[in-house]
C-alpha atoms as a PDB file:
ATOM      1  CA  MET A   1     -17.064 -40.935 -16.319  1.00  0.00           C
ATOM      2  CA  LEU A   2     -18.173 -43.398 -12.564  1.00  0.00           C
ATOM      3  CA  THR A   3     -18.150 -47.158 -12.943  1.00  0.00           C
ATOM      4  CA  ILE A   4     -21.030 -49.106 -11.527  1.00  0.00           C
ATOM      5  CA  PHE A   5     -18.807 -49.409  -7.809  1.00  0.00           C
ATOM      6  CA  GLN A   6     -18.033 -45.570  -8.031  1.00  0.00           C
ATOM      7  CA  ARG A   7     -21.258 -43.929  -8.258  1.00  0.00           C
ATOM      8  CA  ALA A   8     -22.464 -46.493  -5.206  1.00  0.00           C
ATOM      9  CA  LEU A   9     -20.056 -44.464  -3.214  1.00  0.00           C
ATOM     10  CA  LEU A  10     -21.855 -41.850  -3.818  1.00  0.00           C
ATOM     11  CA  GLY A  11     -23.994 -41.477  -1.247  1.00  0.00           C
ATOM     12  CA  LEU A  12     -21.609 -42.178   2.336  1.00  0.00           C
ATOM     13  CA  SER A  13     -20.234 -38.153   1.590  1.00  0.00           C
ATOM     14  CA  TRP A  14     -20.415 -36.007  -0.957  1.00  0.00           C
ATOM     15  CA  ILE A  15     -21.037 -32.568  -1.508  1.00  0.00           C
ATOM     16  CA  CYS A  16     -22.346 -30.241  -5.470  1.00  0.00           C
ATOM     17  CA  PHE A  17     -22.274 -27.190  -6.515  1.00  0.00           C
ATOM     18  CA  VAL A  18     -25.461 -26.040  -8.311  1.00  0.00           C
ATOM     19  CA  SER A  19     -26.222 -22.838 -10.401  1.00  0.00           C
ATOM     20  CA  GLY A  20     -28.351 -21.316  -9.148  1.00  0.00           C
ATOM     21  CA  ASN A  21     -30.248 -20.803  -5.212  1.00  0.00           C
ATOM     22  CA  TYR A  22     -31.709 -24.274  -4.024  1.00  0.00           C
ATOM     23  CA  SER A  23     -31.424 -26.414  -0.446  1.00  0.00           C
ATOM     24  CA  LYS A  24     -34.101 -29.227  -1.458  1.00  0.00           C
ATOM     25  CA  ASP A  25     -32.445 -32.503  -0.925  1.00  0.00           C
ATOM     26  CA  VAL A  26     -30.689 -33.913  -3.899  1.00  0.00           C
ATOM     27  CA  PRO A  27     -30.922 -38.491  -4.200  1.00  0.00           C
ATOM     28  CA  ALA A  28     -27.341 -39.846  -5.464  1.00  0.00           C
ATOM     29  CA  PRO A  29     -26.216 -40.468  -7.590  1.00  0.00           C
ATOM     30  CA  ASN A  30     -27.803 -39.029 -10.665  1.00  0.00           C
ATOM     31  CA  LEU A  31     -25.501 -37.201 -11.850  1.00  0.00           C
ATOM     32  CA  ASN A  32     -27.812 -35.388 -14.233  1.00  0.00           C
ATOM     33  CA  TYR A  33     -30.470 -34.957 -11.380  1.00  0.00           C
ATOM     34  CA  VAL A  34     -32.514 -31.775 -13.012  1.00  0.00           C
ATOM     35  CA  ASN A  35     -35.364 -30.484 -10.264  1.00  0.00           C
ATOM     36  CA  ASP A  36     -37.190 -26.729 -10.481  1.00  0.00           C
ATOM     37  CA  GLY A  37     -34.450 -24.968 -12.730  1.00  0.00           C
ATOM     38  CA  VAL A  38     -30.839 -26.370 -10.549  1.00  0.00           C
ATOM     39  CA  LYS A  39     -28.317 -28.294 -12.640  1.00  0.00           C
ATOM     40  CA  ILE A  40     -25.490 -30.220 -10.275  1.00  0.00           C
ATOM     41  CA  THR A  41     -22.341 -29.009 -12.976  1.00  0.00           C
ATOM     42  CA  LYS A  42     -20.158 -31.038 -10.219  1.00  0.00           C
ATOM     43  CA  ILE A  43     -19.467 -33.533  -8.128  1.00  0.00           C
ATOM     44  CA  TYR A  44     -16.832 -34.197  -5.396  1.00  0.00           C
ATOM     45  CA  VAL A  45     -17.017 -37.873  -4.135  1.00  0.00           C
ATOM     46  CA  PRO A  46     -14.774 -40.365  -2.271  1.00  0.00           C
ATOM     47  CA  LEU A  47     -13.222 -42.866  -4.446  1.00  0.00           C
ATOM     48  CA  LYS A  48     -11.730 -45.438  -2.724  1.00  0.00           C
ATOM     49  CA  LEU A  49     -13.509 -47.748   0.234  1.00  0.00           C
ATOM     50  CA  ASN A  50     -13.290 -46.458   4.768  1.00  0.00           C
ATOM     51  CA  ILE A  51     -12.128 -42.348   3.514  1.00  0.00           C
ATOM     52  CA  SER A  52     -14.713 -40.291   5.422  1.00  0.00           C
ATOM     53  CA  THR A  53     -13.521 -37.207   3.760  1.00  0.00           C
ATOM     54  CA  VAL A  54     -14.013 -35.476  -0.050  1.00  0.00           C
ATOM     55  CA  SER A  55     -12.251 -35.812  -2.193  1.00  0.00           C
ATOM     56  CA  ASP A  56      -9.501 -32.931  -3.698  1.00  0.00           C
ATOM     57  CA  GLU A  57     -10.805 -32.733  -7.171  1.00  0.00           C
ATOM     58  CA  PRO A  58     -14.353 -32.721  -8.811  1.00  0.00           C
ATOM     59  CA  LEU A  59     -15.222 -35.300 -11.654  1.00  0.00           C
ATOM     60  CA  GLN A  60     -14.460 -33.670 -14.375  1.00  0.00           C
ATOM     61  CA  ASN A  61     -17.840 -33.489 -17.754  1.00  0.00           C
ATOM     62  CA  GLU A  62     -16.419 -34.614 -20.520  1.00  0.00           C
ATOM     63  CA  ASP A  63     -18.074 -30.784 -22.121  1.00  0.00           C
ATOM     64  CA  ASP A  64     -16.101 -29.267 -19.552  1.00  0.00           C
ATOM     65  CA  PRO A  65     -13.263 -27.458 -21.124  1.00  0.00           C
ATOM     66  CA  HIS A  66      -9.822 -28.760 -20.980  1.00  0.00           C
ATOM     67  CA  LYS A  67      -7.095 -25.968 -19.449  1.00  0.00           C
ATOM     68  CA  CYS A  68      -5.059 -26.759 -22.880  1.00  0.00           C
ATOM     69  CA  ASP A  69      -8.469 -25.122 -24.812  1.00  0.00           C
ATOM     70  CA  ASP A  70      -7.407 -21.253 -23.586  1.00  0.00           C
ATOM     71  CA  PRO A  71      -3.966 -20.229 -25.714  1.00  0.00           C
ATOM     72  CA  GLU A  72      -3.817 -17.823 -23.742  1.00  0.00           C
ATOM     73  CA  THR A  73      -2.434 -20.802 -20.407  1.00  0.00           C
ATOM     74  CA  CYS A  74       0.800 -21.120 -21.866  1.00  0.00           C
ATOM     75  CA  LYS A  75       2.615 -17.978 -22.645  1.00  0.00           C
ATOM     76  CA  ASN A  76       4.923 -16.646 -24.588  1.00  0.00           C
ATOM     77  CA  GLY A  77       4.521 -19.160 -27.382  1.00  0.00           C
ATOM     78  CA  GLY A  78       4.949 -21.976 -25.079  1.00  0.00           C
ATOM     79  CA  LYS A  79       2.639 -25.263 -26.672  1.00  0.00           C
ATOM     80  CA  CYS A  80       0.064 -26.389 -23.972  1.00  0.00           C
ATOM     81  CA  VAL A  81       0.072 -30.366 -23.447  1.00  0.00           C
ATOM     82  CA  GLU A  82      -2.248 -32.132 -21.609  1.00  0.00           C
ATOM     83  CA  ALA A  83      -1.693 -34.243 -19.268  1.00  0.00           C
ATOM     84  CA  GLY A  84      -5.331 -35.449 -17.922  1.00  0.00           C
ATOM     85  CA  LYS A  85      -6.269 -32.968 -16.063  1.00  0.00           C
ATOM     86  CA  ASP A  86      -3.809 -31.357 -15.935  1.00  0.00           C
ATOM     87  CA  PHE A  87      -1.174 -29.281 -18.039  1.00  0.00           C
ATOM     88  CA  THR A  88       2.360 -28.731 -18.660  1.00  0.00           C
ATOM     89  CA  CYS A  89       3.193 -26.142 -21.312  1.00  0.00           C
ATOM     90  CA  ASP A  90       6.455 -26.944 -23.492  1.00  0.00           C
ATOM     91  CA  CYS A  91       7.878 -23.829 -23.827  1.00  0.00           C
ATOM     92  CA  ALA A  92       9.966 -21.635 -26.350  1.00  0.00           C
ATOM     93  CA  ASN A  93      14.125 -21.662 -25.826  1.00  0.00           C
ATOM     94  CA  GLU A  94      14.100 -18.667 -23.499  1.00  0.00           C
ATOM     95  CA  PHE A  95      11.678 -19.179 -21.315  1.00  0.00           C
ATOM     96  CA  THR A  96      10.729 -21.179 -19.091  1.00  0.00           C
ATOM     97  CA  GLY A  97       8.422 -21.881 -15.101  1.00  0.00           C
ATOM     98  CA  LYS A  98       4.747 -23.517 -15.665  1.00  0.00           C
ATOM     99  CA  ASP A  99       2.980 -20.992 -17.050  1.00  0.00           C
ATOM    100  CA  CYS A 100       6.293 -19.632 -19.635  1.00  0.00           C
ATOM    101  CA  SER A 101       5.741 -16.857 -18.117  1.00  0.00           C
ATOM    102  CA  GLY A 102       8.948 -16.228 -16.630  1.00  0.00           C
ATOM    103  CA  THR A 103      13.287 -16.111 -18.597  1.00  0.00           C
ATOM    104  CA  VAL A 104      16.400 -17.986 -18.785  1.00  0.00           C
ATOM    105  CA  TRP A 105      18.157 -15.207 -17.391  1.00  0.00           C
ATOM    106  CA  CYS A 106      15.832 -14.248 -15.057  1.00  0.00           C
ATOM    107  CA  GLU A 107      15.919 -17.398 -13.568  1.00  0.00           C
ATOM    108  CA  LYS A 108      19.735 -17.467 -14.505  1.00  0.00           C
ATOM    109  CA  TYR A 109      20.645 -14.515 -14.092  1.00  0.00           C
ATOM    110  CA  GLY A 110      17.882 -12.265 -11.686  1.00  0.00           C
ATOM    111  CA  GLY A 111      19.381 -13.335  -8.439  1.00  0.00           C
ATOM    112  CA  LYS A 112      22.601 -11.724  -9.968  1.00  0.00           C
ATOM    113  CA  LEU A 113      21.472  -8.989 -11.259  1.00  0.00           C
ATOM    114  CA  CYS A 114      18.400  -7.846  -9.818  1.00  0.00           C
ATOM    115  CA  GLY A 115      19.188  -8.812  -6.503  1.00  0.00           C
ATOM    116  CA  LYS A 116      15.808  -9.104  -4.359  1.00  0.00           C
ATOM    117  CA  VAL A 117      14.073  -7.287  -7.150  1.00  0.00           C
ATOM    118  CA  PRO A 118      11.320  -9.151  -9.530  1.00  0.00           C
ATOM    119  CA  CYS A 119      12.803  -9.920 -12.505  1.00  0.00           C
ATOM    120  CA  LYS A 120      10.330  -9.947 -15.908  1.00  0.00           C
ATOM    121  CA  TYR A 121       9.938 -10.085 -19.113  1.00  0.00           C
ATOM    122  CA  ASN A 122       7.856  -8.240 -21.069  1.00  0.00           C
ATOM    123  CA  PRO A 123       6.969  -8.736 -24.732  1.00  0.00           C
ATOM    124  CA  ASP A 124       6.402  -5.408 -26.280  1.00  0.00           C
ATOM    125  CA  LEU A 125      10.030  -5.229 -25.578  1.00  0.00           C
ATOM    126  CA  ASN A 126      11.599  -8.182 -25.881  1.00  0.00           C
ATOM    127  CA  ARG A 127      13.325  -7.079 -23.485  1.00  0.00           C
ATOM    128  CA  THR A 128      14.045  -8.104 -19.403  1.00  0.00           C
ATOM    129  CA  PHE A 129      13.983  -6.012 -16.549  1.00  0.00           C
ATOM    130  CA  CYS A 130      14.357  -5.184 -13.318  1.00  0.00           C
ATOM    131  CA  ASP A 131      11.207  -4.457 -11.991  1.00  0.00           C
ATOM    132  CA  CYS A 132      10.935  -1.132  -9.588  1.00  0.00           C
ATOM    133  CA  GLY A 133       7.528  -0.833 -10.422  1.00  0.00           C
ATOM    134  CA  GLU A 134       6.314   3.381 -10.933  1.00  0.00           C
ATOM    135  CA  ALA A 135       8.059   6.745  -9.710  1.00  0.00           C
ATOM    136  CA  GLN A 136      10.888   4.474  -9.052  1.00  0.00           C
ATOM    137  CA  TYR A 137      14.516   3.244 -11.124  1.00  0.00           C
ATOM    138  CA  PHE A 138      16.535   0.537 -10.035  1.00  0.00           C
ATOM    139  CA  ASP A 139      19.827   1.165  -8.864  1.00  0.00           C
ATOM    140  CA  VAL A 140      22.361  -1.294 -11.190  1.00  0.00           C
ATOM    141  CA  LYS A 141      25.150  -0.543  -8.822  1.00  0.00           C
ATOM    142  CA  ASN A 142      23.803  -0.911  -5.103  1.00  0.00           C
ATOM    143  CA  LYS A 143      20.894  -3.636  -6.565  1.00  0.00           C
ATOM    144  CA  GLU A 144      17.247  -1.562  -5.020  1.00  0.00           C
ATOM    145  CA  CYS A 145      15.214   1.104  -6.043  1.00  0.00           C
ATOM    146  CA  ILE A 146      14.709   4.082  -5.458  1.00  0.00           C
ATOM    147  CA  LYS A 147      12.275   6.484  -5.710  1.00  0.00           C
ATOM    148  CA  ILE A 148      12.347   9.513  -8.305  1.00  0.00           C
ATOM    149  CA  ASN A 149      12.652  12.485  -7.630  1.00  0.00           C
ATOM    150  CA  GLU A 150       9.891  13.746  -9.395  1.00  0.00           C
ATOM    151  CA  CYS A 151      11.474  17.665  -9.375  1.00  0.00           C
ATOM    152  CA  LEU A 152      15.224  16.697 -10.809  1.00  0.00           C
ATOM    153  CA  LYS A 153      13.378  15.281 -13.806  1.00  0.00           C
ATOM    154  CA  LEU A 154      10.928  17.791 -14.199  1.00  0.00           C
ATOM    155  CA  GLN A 155      14.084  19.837 -14.862  1.00  0.00           C
ATOM    156  CA  LEU A 156      15.615  17.009 -16.763  1.00  0.00           C
ATOM    157  CA  ASP A 157      13.050  17.757 -18.979  1.00  0.00           C
ATOM    158  CA  GLY A 158      13.694  21.642 -18.724  1.00  0.00           C
ATOM    159  CA  LYS A 159      10.683  22.578 -17.030  1.00  0.00           C
ATOM    160  CA  CYS A 160      10.675  24.793 -13.254  1.00  0.00           C
ATOM    161  CA  LEU A 161      14.343  26.568 -14.282  1.00  0.00           C
ATOM    162  CA  SER A 162      12.790  29.714 -15.139  1.00  0.00           C
ATOM    163  CA  LEU A 163      13.924  32.114 -13.069  1.00  0.00           C
ATOM    164  CA  HIS A 164      11.997  33.534  -9.645  1.00  0.00           C
ATOM    165  CA  GLU A 165      10.279  29.268 -10.385  1.00  0.00           C
ATOM    166  CA  LYS A 166      10.832  26.900  -8.028  1.00  0.00           C
ATOM    167  CA  CYS A 167      10.061  23.449  -7.998  1.00  0.00           C
ATOM    168  CA  GLN A 168       8.323  20.945  -4.816  1.00  0.00           C
ATOM    169  CA  LYS A 169       6.826  17.413  -4.035  1.00  0.00           C
ATOM    170  CA  GLY A 170       6.371  17.515  -8.322  1.00  0.00           C
ATOM    171  CA  THR A 171       4.843  21.225  -9.619  1.00  0.00           C
ATOM    172  CA  CYS A 172       6.848  24.090 -10.836  1.00  0.00           C
ATOM    173  CA  SER A 173       5.526  26.442  -9.271  1.00  0.00           C
ATOM    174  CA  CYS A 174       6.361  30.403  -8.675  1.00  0.00           C
ATOM    175  CA  GLU A 175       8.175  32.161  -5.990  1.00  0.00           C
ATOM    176  CA  LYS A 176       6.633  34.103  -3.038  1.00  0.00           C
ATOM    177  CA  GLY A 177       5.476  36.923  -5.049  1.00  0.00           C
ATOM    178  CA  TYR A 178       5.823  35.875  -8.520  1.00  0.00           C
ATOM    179  CA  GLU A 179       2.606  34.773 -10.659  1.00  0.00           C
ATOM    180  CA  TYR A 180       2.892  32.976 -13.791  1.00  0.00           C
ATOM    181  CA  THR A 181       3.062  34.361 -17.435  1.00  0.00           C
ATOM    182  CA  LYS A 182      -0.266  33.958 -19.371  1.00  0.00           C
ATOM    183  CA  ASN A 183       0.983  31.123 -21.602  1.00  0.00           C
ATOM    184  CA  ASN A 184       2.966  30.101 -18.107  1.00  0.00           C
ATOM    185  CA  GLU A 185       6.497  29.898 -19.293  1.00  0.00           C
ATOM    186  CA  THR A 186       7.890  33.050 -16.080  1.00  0.00           C
ATOM    187  CA  CYS A 187       7.752  34.292 -13.347  1.00  0.00           C
ATOM    188  CA  VAL A 188       6.648  37.752 -12.816  1.00  0.00           C
ATOM    189  CA  ARG A 189       6.881  40.256  -9.777  1.00  0.00           C
ATOM    190  CA  LYS A 190       3.706  39.882  -8.876  1.00  0.00           C
ATOM    191  CA  ASN A 191       1.278  43.513  -9.073  1.00  0.00           C
ATOM    192  CA  MET A 192       0.712  43.496  -5.690  1.00  0.00           C
ATOM    193  CA  CYS A 193      -1.331  46.421  -5.274  1.00  0.00           C
ATOM    194  CA  THR A 194      -4.462  44.601  -7.497  1.00  0.00           C
ATOM    195  CA  ASP A 195      -4.400  42.453  -4.064  1.00  0.00           C
ATOM    196  CA  ASP A 196      -7.452  43.917  -1.689  1.00  0.00           C
ATOM    197  CA  ASN A 197      -5.423  43.342   1.148  1.00  0.00           C
ATOM    198  CA  LYS A 198      -3.113  45.664   0.118  1.00  0.00           C
ATOM    199  CA  LYS A 199      -5.356  47.773  -1.396  1.00  0.00           C
ATOM    200  CA  LYS A 200      -7.478  48.394   1.694  1.00  0.00           C
ATOM    201  CA  SER A 201      -4.142  48.642   3.266  1.00  0.00           C
ATOM    202  CA  CYS A 202      -2.493  52.180   2.243  1.00  0.00           C
ATOM    203  CA  SER A 203      -6.535  52.839   1.486  1.00  0.00           C
ATOM    204  CA  GLU A 204      -6.603  53.446   5.620  1.00  0.00           C
ATOM    205  CA  ILE A 205      -4.392  55.388   5.733  1.00  0.00           C
ATOM    206  CA  ALA A 206      -5.809  57.913   3.333  1.00  0.00           C
ATOM    207  CA  ALA A 207      -2.390  56.302   1.277  1.00  0.00           C
ATOM    208  CA  LEU A 208      -2.093  55.612  -1.839  1.00  0.00           C
ATOM    209  CA  CYS A 209      -0.719  51.700  -3.132  1.00  0.00           C
ATOM    210  CA  GLU A 210       2.483  51.818  -5.170  1.00  0.00           C
ATOM    211  CA  GLU A 211       4.112  48.789  -6.549  1.00  0.00           C
ATOM    212  CA  ASP A 212       7.693  48.621  -4.597  1.00  0.00           C
ATOM    213  CA  LEU A 213      10.077  46.084  -5.851  1.00  0.00           C
ATOM    214  CA  ASP A 214      12.750  46.278  -3.676  1.00  0.00           C
ATOM    215  CA  ALA A 215      10.230  45.786  -0.495  1.00  0.00           C
ATOM    216  CA  ASP A 216       9.652  41.942   0.843  1.00  0.00           C
ATOM    217  CA  ASN A 217       5.471  42.483   0.428  1.00  0.00           C
ATOM    218  CA  GLY A 218       6.496  44.421  -3.034  1.00  0.00           C
ATOM    219  CA  PHE A 219       4.396  47.347  -2.133  1.00  0.00           C
ATOM    220  CA  LYS A 220       4.298  50.008  -0.460  1.00  0.00           C
ATOM    221  CA  CYS A 221       1.628  52.900   1.027  1.00  0.00           C
ATOM    222  CA  ILE A 222       2.507  56.995  -0.261  1.00  0.00           C
ATOM    223  CA  CYS A 223       0.782  60.277   0.154  1.00  0.00           C
ATOM    224  CA  ASP A 224      -0.774  61.968  -2.892  1.00  0.00           C
ATOM    225  CA  ASP A 225       1.030  65.402  -3.639  1.00  0.00           C
ATOM    226  CA  GLY A 226       0.640  68.190  -0.651  1.00  0.00           C
ATOM    227  CA  TYR A 227       0.785  65.290   2.056  1.00  0.00           C
ATOM    228  CA  ASP A 228       2.981  63.765   4.920  1.00  0.00           C
ATOM    229  CA  ARG A 229       2.306  61.093   6.864  1.00  0.00           C
ATOM    230  CA  ASP A 230       0.736  61.961  10.116  1.00  0.00           C
ATOM    231  CA  LYS A 231       3.622  59.786  12.713  1.00  0.00           C
ATOM    232  CA  PHE A 232       0.598  60.565  15.879  1.00  0.00           C
ATOM    233  CA  LYS A 233      -2.503  59.175  13.298  1.00  0.00           C
ATOM    234  CA  ASN A 234      -0.471  55.931  12.388  1.00  0.00           C
ATOM    235  CA  GLY A 235       1.132  57.575   9.284  1.00  0.00           C
ATOM    236  CA  THR A 236      -2.431  58.841   7.702  1.00  0.00           C
ATOM    237  CA  CYS A 237      -1.652  60.636   4.964  1.00  0.00           C
ATOM    238  CA  THR A 238      -2.421  63.989   6.531  1.00  0.00           C
ATOM    239  CA  HIS A 239      -2.175  67.294   4.270  1.00  0.00           C
ATOM    240  CA  LYS A 240       0.532  69.212   4.901  1.00  0.00           C
ATOM    241  CA  CYS A 241      -0.877  72.527   6.136  1.00  0.00           C
ATOM    242  CA  ASN A 242      -2.780  70.985   8.755  1.00  0.00           C
ATOM    243  CA  LEU A 243       0.756  69.664  10.235  1.00  0.00           C
ATOM    244  CA  GLU A 244       2.944  72.705   9.964  1.00  0.00           C
ATOM    245  CA  SER A 245      -1.091  74.379  12.396  1.00  0.00           C
ATOM    246  CA  LYS A 246      -0.343  70.883  14.694  1.00  0.00           C
ATOM    247  CA  HIS A 247       3.116  71.251  14.649  1.00  0.00           C
ATOM    248  CA  ARG A 248       3.377  74.892  16.019  1.00  0.00           C
ATOM    249  CA  LYS A 249       0.485  74.356  18.553  1.00  0.00           C
ATOM    250  CA  MET A 250       2.987  72.243  20.088  1.00  0.00           C
ATOM    251  CA  PHE A 251       5.706  73.830  20.485  1.00  0.00           C
ATOM    252  CA  ALA A 252       3.697  76.500  21.720  1.00  0.00           C
ATOM    253  CA  LYS A 253       2.033  74.810  24.403  1.00  0.00           C
ATOM    254  CA  SER A 254       6.060  74.134  25.016  1.00  0.00           C
END
């Protein structure tokens, strides 16, 4: 509650917070001023003479909730104790800090054991730890956070280990020329002749596409029975009779 003297000072310098939009002058020192549905909720006032700036703290209405009214103000079972407008937390033995969110262990040993890594408490596990966040682990020896090798993590879980399987950037995949079986358990040689581009490369020379596990590209072009590759026609499959006739003519000219 304001004294009569303090109310008189409201006319010197003050700022108010209102609920709603209001641009008109508000007469002071009426603390309960209501006009056009706009209600003043908090007022900042100078409480001493010869002060031209406003107070740092708002005048508290007796109905305003106190921090201690919130059960989450003090963490980890701490008891909230009112101290005027402020509060203090009476923490349990193992906790410390303004709101009891810190632990005595972290305060005492955190710097020594965690280095510059934040020391935190997990209430669900009731455990204190050096917190590196996600995708990192704490290196106890060097007291620093190390990025987790996602591929190593997968392999330790038994993944990315099958024949012709590899891991890159935390993702399992088959080596070039291989593909996963339907259940994605193993990598098998991909039938390159099912690739339209591979079939086309063979059909352009009248050849058939055949798998070749020894070839780097996994296939080869072969001629049908009775045909051979004509080296004078970019390897096009040509009937043997035509090849023999062509060769006889060439030898006859020479």
